[in-house]
Amino acid sequence: MIIRILTEGQYRVPSSVLDRLNRLDNRIVEAVAAGNGKDYQRLLGQMLELVRQKGKPLDLQELTESDVILPAPDTTLQEARRLFRGEGAIPG
């Protein structure tokens, strides 16, 4: 799966990581819905770090469509309200 982190680039992430990403995504949806900015920032940081650690960065010259687009690390709670609702950013 190809995951893009806005302002950083794309990562090829193994499918074995998807369950962990989805759990974090669900918790972010809950934090955003509750207006809990502290939990939102902490969980977003964990999600992005998981992608960075487990994913392999794609070469900048490689043009590949992203399966998932995650927000930039500095995305505010206000901005996240548009992204993290319903199923969240990670499908499934």
N, C-alpha and C. Protein backbone atom coordinates (compact mmCIF):
# COMPACT_ATOMS: atom_id res chain seq x y z
N MET A 1 0.85 -1.17 0.00
CA MET A 1 0.00 0.00 0.00
C MET A 1 0.90 1.24 0.00
N ILE A 2 0.52 2.22 -0.78
CA ILE A 2 1.27 3.47 -0.86
C ILE A 2 0.55 4.52 0.00
N ILE A 3 1.27 5.07 0.96
CA ILE A 3 0.71 6.09 1.84
C ILE A 3 1.53 7.37 1.68
N ARG A 4 0.83 8.45 1.43
CA ARG A 4 1.47 9.76 1.34
C ARG A 4 1.23 10.51 2.64
N ILE A 5 2.30 11.08 3.18
CA ILE A 5 2.19 12.03 4.28
C ILE A 5 2.41 13.40 3.65
N LEU A 6 1.39 14.22 3.71
CA LEU A 6 1.50 15.54 3.09
C LEU A 6 2.71 16.29 3.65
N THR A 7 3.39 16.98 2.81
CA THR A 7 4.62 17.75 3.05
C THR A 7 5.86 16.88 3.23
N GLU A 8 5.71 15.53 3.20
CA GLU A 8 6.88 14.66 3.39
C GLU A 8 7.17 13.77 2.20
N GLY A 9 6.15 13.12 1.67
CA GLY A 9 6.39 12.19 0.58
C GLY A 9 5.59 10.92 0.75
N GLN A 10 5.94 9.92 -0.08
CA GLN A 10 5.21 8.66 -0.11
C GLN A 10 6.04 7.52 0.49
N TYR A 11 5.32 6.56 1.05
CA TYR A 11 5.94 5.39 1.66
C TYR A 11 5.21 4.14 1.18
N ARG A 12 5.96 3.09 0.91
CA ARG A 12 5.37 1.79 0.61
C ARG A 12 5.29 1.06 1.95
N VAL A 13 4.07 0.82 2.40
CA VAL A 13 3.83 0.26 3.73
C VAL A 13 3.30 -1.16 3.58
N PRO A 14 3.90 -2.12 4.32
CA PRO A 14 3.42 -3.50 4.21
C PRO A 14 2.01 -3.65 4.78
N SER A 15 1.26 -4.57 4.22
CA SER A 15 -0.13 -4.77 4.66
C SER A 15 -0.21 -5.21 6.11
N SER A 16 0.86 -5.77 6.64
CA SER A 16 0.86 -6.20 8.04
C SER A 16 0.71 -5.04 9.02
N VAL A 17 0.91 -3.83 8.56
CA VAL A 17 0.83 -2.63 9.42
C VAL A 17 -0.58 -2.02 9.38
N LEU A 18 -1.40 -2.43 8.44
CA LEU A 18 -2.69 -1.78 8.23
C LEU A 18 -3.63 -1.87 9.43
N ASP A 19 -3.65 -2.99 10.12
CA ASP A 19 -4.51 -3.10 11.30
C ASP A 19 -4.13 -2.07 12.37
N ARG A 20 -2.84 -1.92 12.61
CA ARG A 20 -2.39 -0.92 13.59
C ARG A 20 -2.74 0.49 13.15
N LEU A 21 -2.56 0.76 11.86
CA LEU A 21 -2.91 2.09 11.34
C LEU A 21 -4.41 2.34 11.47
N ASN A 22 -5.20 1.33 11.18
CA ASN A 22 -6.65 1.49 11.26
C ASN A 22 -7.11 1.73 12.70
N ARG A 23 -6.51 1.05 13.65
CA ARG A 23 -6.85 1.29 15.07
C ARG A 23 -6.51 2.72 15.47
N LEU A 24 -5.34 3.19 15.06
CA LEU A 24 -4.97 4.58 15.36
C LEU A 24 -5.93 5.55 14.68
N ASP A 25 -6.27 5.26 13.45
CA ASP A 25 -7.21 6.09 12.70
C ASP A 25 -8.54 6.20 13.44
N ASN A 26 -9.07 5.07 13.91
CA ASN A 26 -10.33 5.09 14.64
C ASN A 26 -10.24 5.91 15.92
N ARG A 27 -9.12 5.81 16.60
CA ARG A 27 -8.94 6.60 17.83
C ARG A 27 -8.82 8.09 17.51
N ILE A 28 -8.21 8.42 16.38
CA ILE A 28 -8.12 9.83 15.96
C ILE A 28 -9.51 10.36 15.64
N VAL A 29 -10.33 9.58 14.95
CA VAL A 29 -11.70 9.99 14.66
C VAL A 29 -12.43 10.33 15.96
N GLU A 30 -12.27 9.49 16.98
CA GLU A 30 -12.92 9.72 18.27
C GLU A 30 -12.39 11.00 18.93
N ALA A 31 -11.08 11.19 18.91
CA ALA A 31 -10.49 12.39 19.53
C ALA A 31 -10.96 13.66 18.83
N VAL A 32 -11.01 13.62 17.51
CA VAL A 32 -11.46 14.79 16.74
C VAL A 32 -12.93 15.07 17.04
N ALA A 33 -13.76 14.03 17.06
CA ALA A 33 -15.18 14.20 17.34
C ALA A 33 -15.41 14.79 18.73
N ALA A 34 -14.53 14.43 19.67
CA ALA A 34 -14.65 14.93 21.03
C ALA A 34 -14.00 16.30 21.21
N GLY A 35 -13.30 16.78 20.18
CA GLY A 35 -12.61 18.07 20.28
C GLY A 35 -11.38 18.02 21.17
N ASN A 36 -10.80 16.83 21.30
CA ASN A 36 -9.64 16.64 22.18
C ASN A 36 -8.35 16.82 21.38
N GLY A 37 -7.86 18.05 21.34
CA GLY A 37 -6.69 18.39 20.55
C GLY A 37 -5.42 17.70 21.02
N LYS A 38 -5.29 17.51 22.32
CA LYS A 38 -4.08 16.88 22.86
C LYS A 38 -3.99 15.42 22.39
N ASP A 39 -5.09 14.66 22.54
CA ASP A 39 -5.09 13.27 22.08
C ASP A 39 -4.93 13.19 20.57
N TYR A 40 -5.60 14.09 19.85
CA TYR A 40 -5.49 14.10 18.40
C TYR A 40 -4.03 14.25 17.97
N GLN A 41 -3.33 15.22 18.51
CA GLN A 41 -1.93 15.45 18.12
C GLN A 41 -1.05 14.25 18.47
N ARG A 42 -1.26 13.68 19.65
CA ARG A 42 -0.46 12.52 20.08
C ARG A 42 -0.70 11.33 19.15
N LEU A 43 -1.97 11.04 18.86
CA LEU A 43 -2.31 9.90 18.02
C LEU A 43 -1.86 10.11 16.57
N LEU A 44 -2.02 11.32 16.05
CA LEU A 44 -1.54 11.61 14.69
C LEU A 44 -0.03 11.40 14.63
N GLY A 45 0.68 11.87 15.64
CA GLY A 45 2.13 11.66 15.69
C GLY A 45 2.50 10.19 15.68
N GLN A 46 1.75 9.38 16.42
CA GLN A 46 1.99 7.93 16.44
C GLN A 46 1.72 7.31 15.07
N MET A 47 0.64 7.75 14.43
CA MET A 47 0.30 7.21 13.12
C MET A 47 1.39 7.54 12.09
N LEU A 48 1.80 8.78 12.06
CA LEU A 48 2.82 9.19 11.09
C LEU A 48 4.14 8.50 11.36
N GLU A 49 4.49 8.36 12.63
CA GLU A 49 5.75 7.69 12.98
C GLU A 49 5.71 6.22 12.58
N LEU A 50 4.57 5.56 12.74
CA LEU A 50 4.43 4.17 12.32
C LEU A 50 4.67 4.03 10.82
N VAL A 51 4.10 4.94 10.04
CA VAL A 51 4.31 4.91 8.59
C VAL A 51 5.78 5.13 8.27
N ARG A 52 6.41 6.08 8.94
CA ARG A 52 7.84 6.36 8.68
C ARG A 52 8.73 5.17 9.06
N GLN A 53 8.42 4.52 10.19
CA GLN A 53 9.27 3.42 10.66
C GLN A 53 9.07 2.14 9.87
N LYS A 54 7.83 1.81 9.56
CA LYS A 54 7.54 0.54 8.90
C LYS A 54 7.50 0.65 7.38
N GLY A 55 7.33 1.86 6.88
CA GLY A 55 7.26 2.05 5.44
C GLY A 55 8.63 2.32 4.83
N LYS A 56 8.70 2.10 3.54
CA LYS A 56 9.93 2.39 2.79
C LYS A 56 9.66 3.62 1.94
N PRO A 57 10.43 4.70 2.14
CA PRO A 57 10.19 5.91 1.33
C PRO A 57 10.37 5.63 -0.16
N LEU A 58 9.45 6.15 -0.95
CA LEU A 58 9.58 6.04 -2.40
C LEU A 58 10.51 7.14 -2.89
N ASP A 59 11.22 6.84 -3.94
CA ASP A 59 12.07 7.83 -4.56
C ASP A 59 11.22 9.00 -5.04
N LEU A 60 11.71 10.21 -4.87
CA LEU A 60 10.95 11.39 -5.27
C LEU A 60 10.62 11.41 -6.76
N GLN A 61 11.43 10.73 -7.55
CA GLN A 61 11.20 10.69 -9.00
C GLN A 61 10.11 9.68 -9.40
N GLU A 62 9.78 8.77 -8.46
CA GLU A 62 8.78 7.74 -8.75
C GLU A 62 7.38 8.33 -8.57
N LEU A 63 6.61 8.33 -9.64
CA LEU A 63 5.25 8.85 -9.60
C LEU A 63 4.28 7.69 -9.45
N THR A 64 3.71 7.56 -8.27
CA THR A 64 2.79 6.48 -7.97
C THR A 64 1.58 7.05 -7.26
N GLU A 65 0.39 6.60 -7.65
CA GLU A 65 -0.82 7.06 -7.00
C GLU A 65 -0.85 6.54 -5.56
N SER A 66 -1.23 7.40 -4.64
CA SER A 66 -1.31 7.02 -3.23
C SER A 66 -2.64 6.34 -2.95
N ASP A 67 -2.59 5.27 -2.15
CA ASP A 67 -3.81 4.60 -1.70
C ASP A 67 -4.45 5.37 -0.55
N VAL A 68 -3.60 5.99 0.26
CA VAL A 68 -4.05 6.76 1.42
C VAL A 68 -3.23 8.03 1.49
N ILE A 69 -3.88 9.13 1.83
CA ILE A 69 -3.18 10.39 2.04
C ILE A 69 -3.42 10.82 3.48
N LEU A 70 -2.33 10.95 4.24
CA LEU A 70 -2.41 11.38 5.62
C LEU A 70 -2.03 12.85 5.72
N PRO A 71 -2.58 13.53 6.69
CA PRO A 71 -2.29 14.97 6.82
C PRO A 71 -0.86 15.23 7.26
N ALA A 72 -0.44 16.45 7.06
CA ALA A 72 0.88 16.89 7.51
C ALA A 72 0.93 16.85 9.04
N PRO A 73 2.12 16.71 9.61
CA PRO A 73 2.24 16.65 11.07
C PRO A 73 1.68 17.87 11.79
N ASP A 74 1.65 19.01 11.14
CA ASP A 74 1.18 20.24 11.80
C ASP A 74 -0.29 20.55 11.51
N THR A 75 -1.04 19.56 11.03
CA THR A 75 -2.46 19.76 10.75
C THR A 75 -3.20 20.02 12.07
N THR A 76 -3.97 21.09 12.09
CA THR A 76 -4.68 21.46 13.32
C THR A 76 -5.93 20.60 13.51
N LEU A 77 -6.46 20.65 14.72
CA LEU A 77 -7.70 19.93 15.02
C LEU A 77 -8.83 20.43 14.13
N GLN A 78 -8.89 21.73 13.88
CA GLN A 78 -9.92 22.30 13.01
C GLN A 78 -9.83 21.68 11.61
N GLU A 79 -8.62 21.63 11.07
CA GLU A 79 -8.42 21.07 9.73
C GLU A 79 -8.72 19.57 9.71
N ALA A 80 -8.39 18.89 10.80
CA ALA A 80 -8.58 17.44 10.89
C ALA A 80 -10.05 17.06 10.89
N ARG A 81 -10.91 17.96 11.28
CA ARG A 81 -12.34 17.64 11.31
C ARG A 81 -12.87 17.27 9.93
N ARG A 82 -12.24 17.78 8.88
CA ARG A 82 -12.65 17.44 7.51
C ARG A 82 -12.11 16.07 7.09
N LEU A 83 -11.00 15.65 7.67
CA LEU A 83 -10.33 14.42 7.25
C LEU A 83 -10.71 13.20 8.08
N PHE A 84 -10.83 13.40 9.37
CA PHE A 84 -11.04 12.28 10.28
C PHE A 84 -12.49 12.26 10.78
N ARG A 85 -13.35 11.72 9.95
CA ARG A 85 -14.74 11.52 10.34
C ARG A 85 -15.23 10.28 9.60
N GLY A 86 -16.32 9.74 10.03
CA GLY A 86 -16.81 8.51 9.42
C GLY A 86 -15.79 7.40 9.57
N GLU A 87 -15.31 6.89 8.44
CA GLU A 87 -14.30 5.84 8.47
C GLU A 87 -12.90 6.36 8.74
N GLY A 88 -12.70 7.67 8.69
CA GLY A 88 -11.38 8.23 8.91
C GLY A 88 -10.55 8.25 7.64
N ALA A 89 -9.25 8.33 7.79
CA ALA A 89 -8.35 8.44 6.63
C ALA A 89 -7.98 7.09 6.05
N ILE A 90 -8.00 6.04 6.87
CA ILE A 90 -7.61 4.70 6.43
C ILE A 90 -8.88 3.92 6.09
N PRO A 91 -9.05 3.50 4.85
CA PRO A 91 -10.25 2.74 4.49
C PRO A 91 -10.23 1.34 5.12
N GLY A 92 -11.40 0.86 5.46
CA GLY A 92 -11.52 -0.51 5.95
C GLY A 92 -11.68 -0.55 7.39
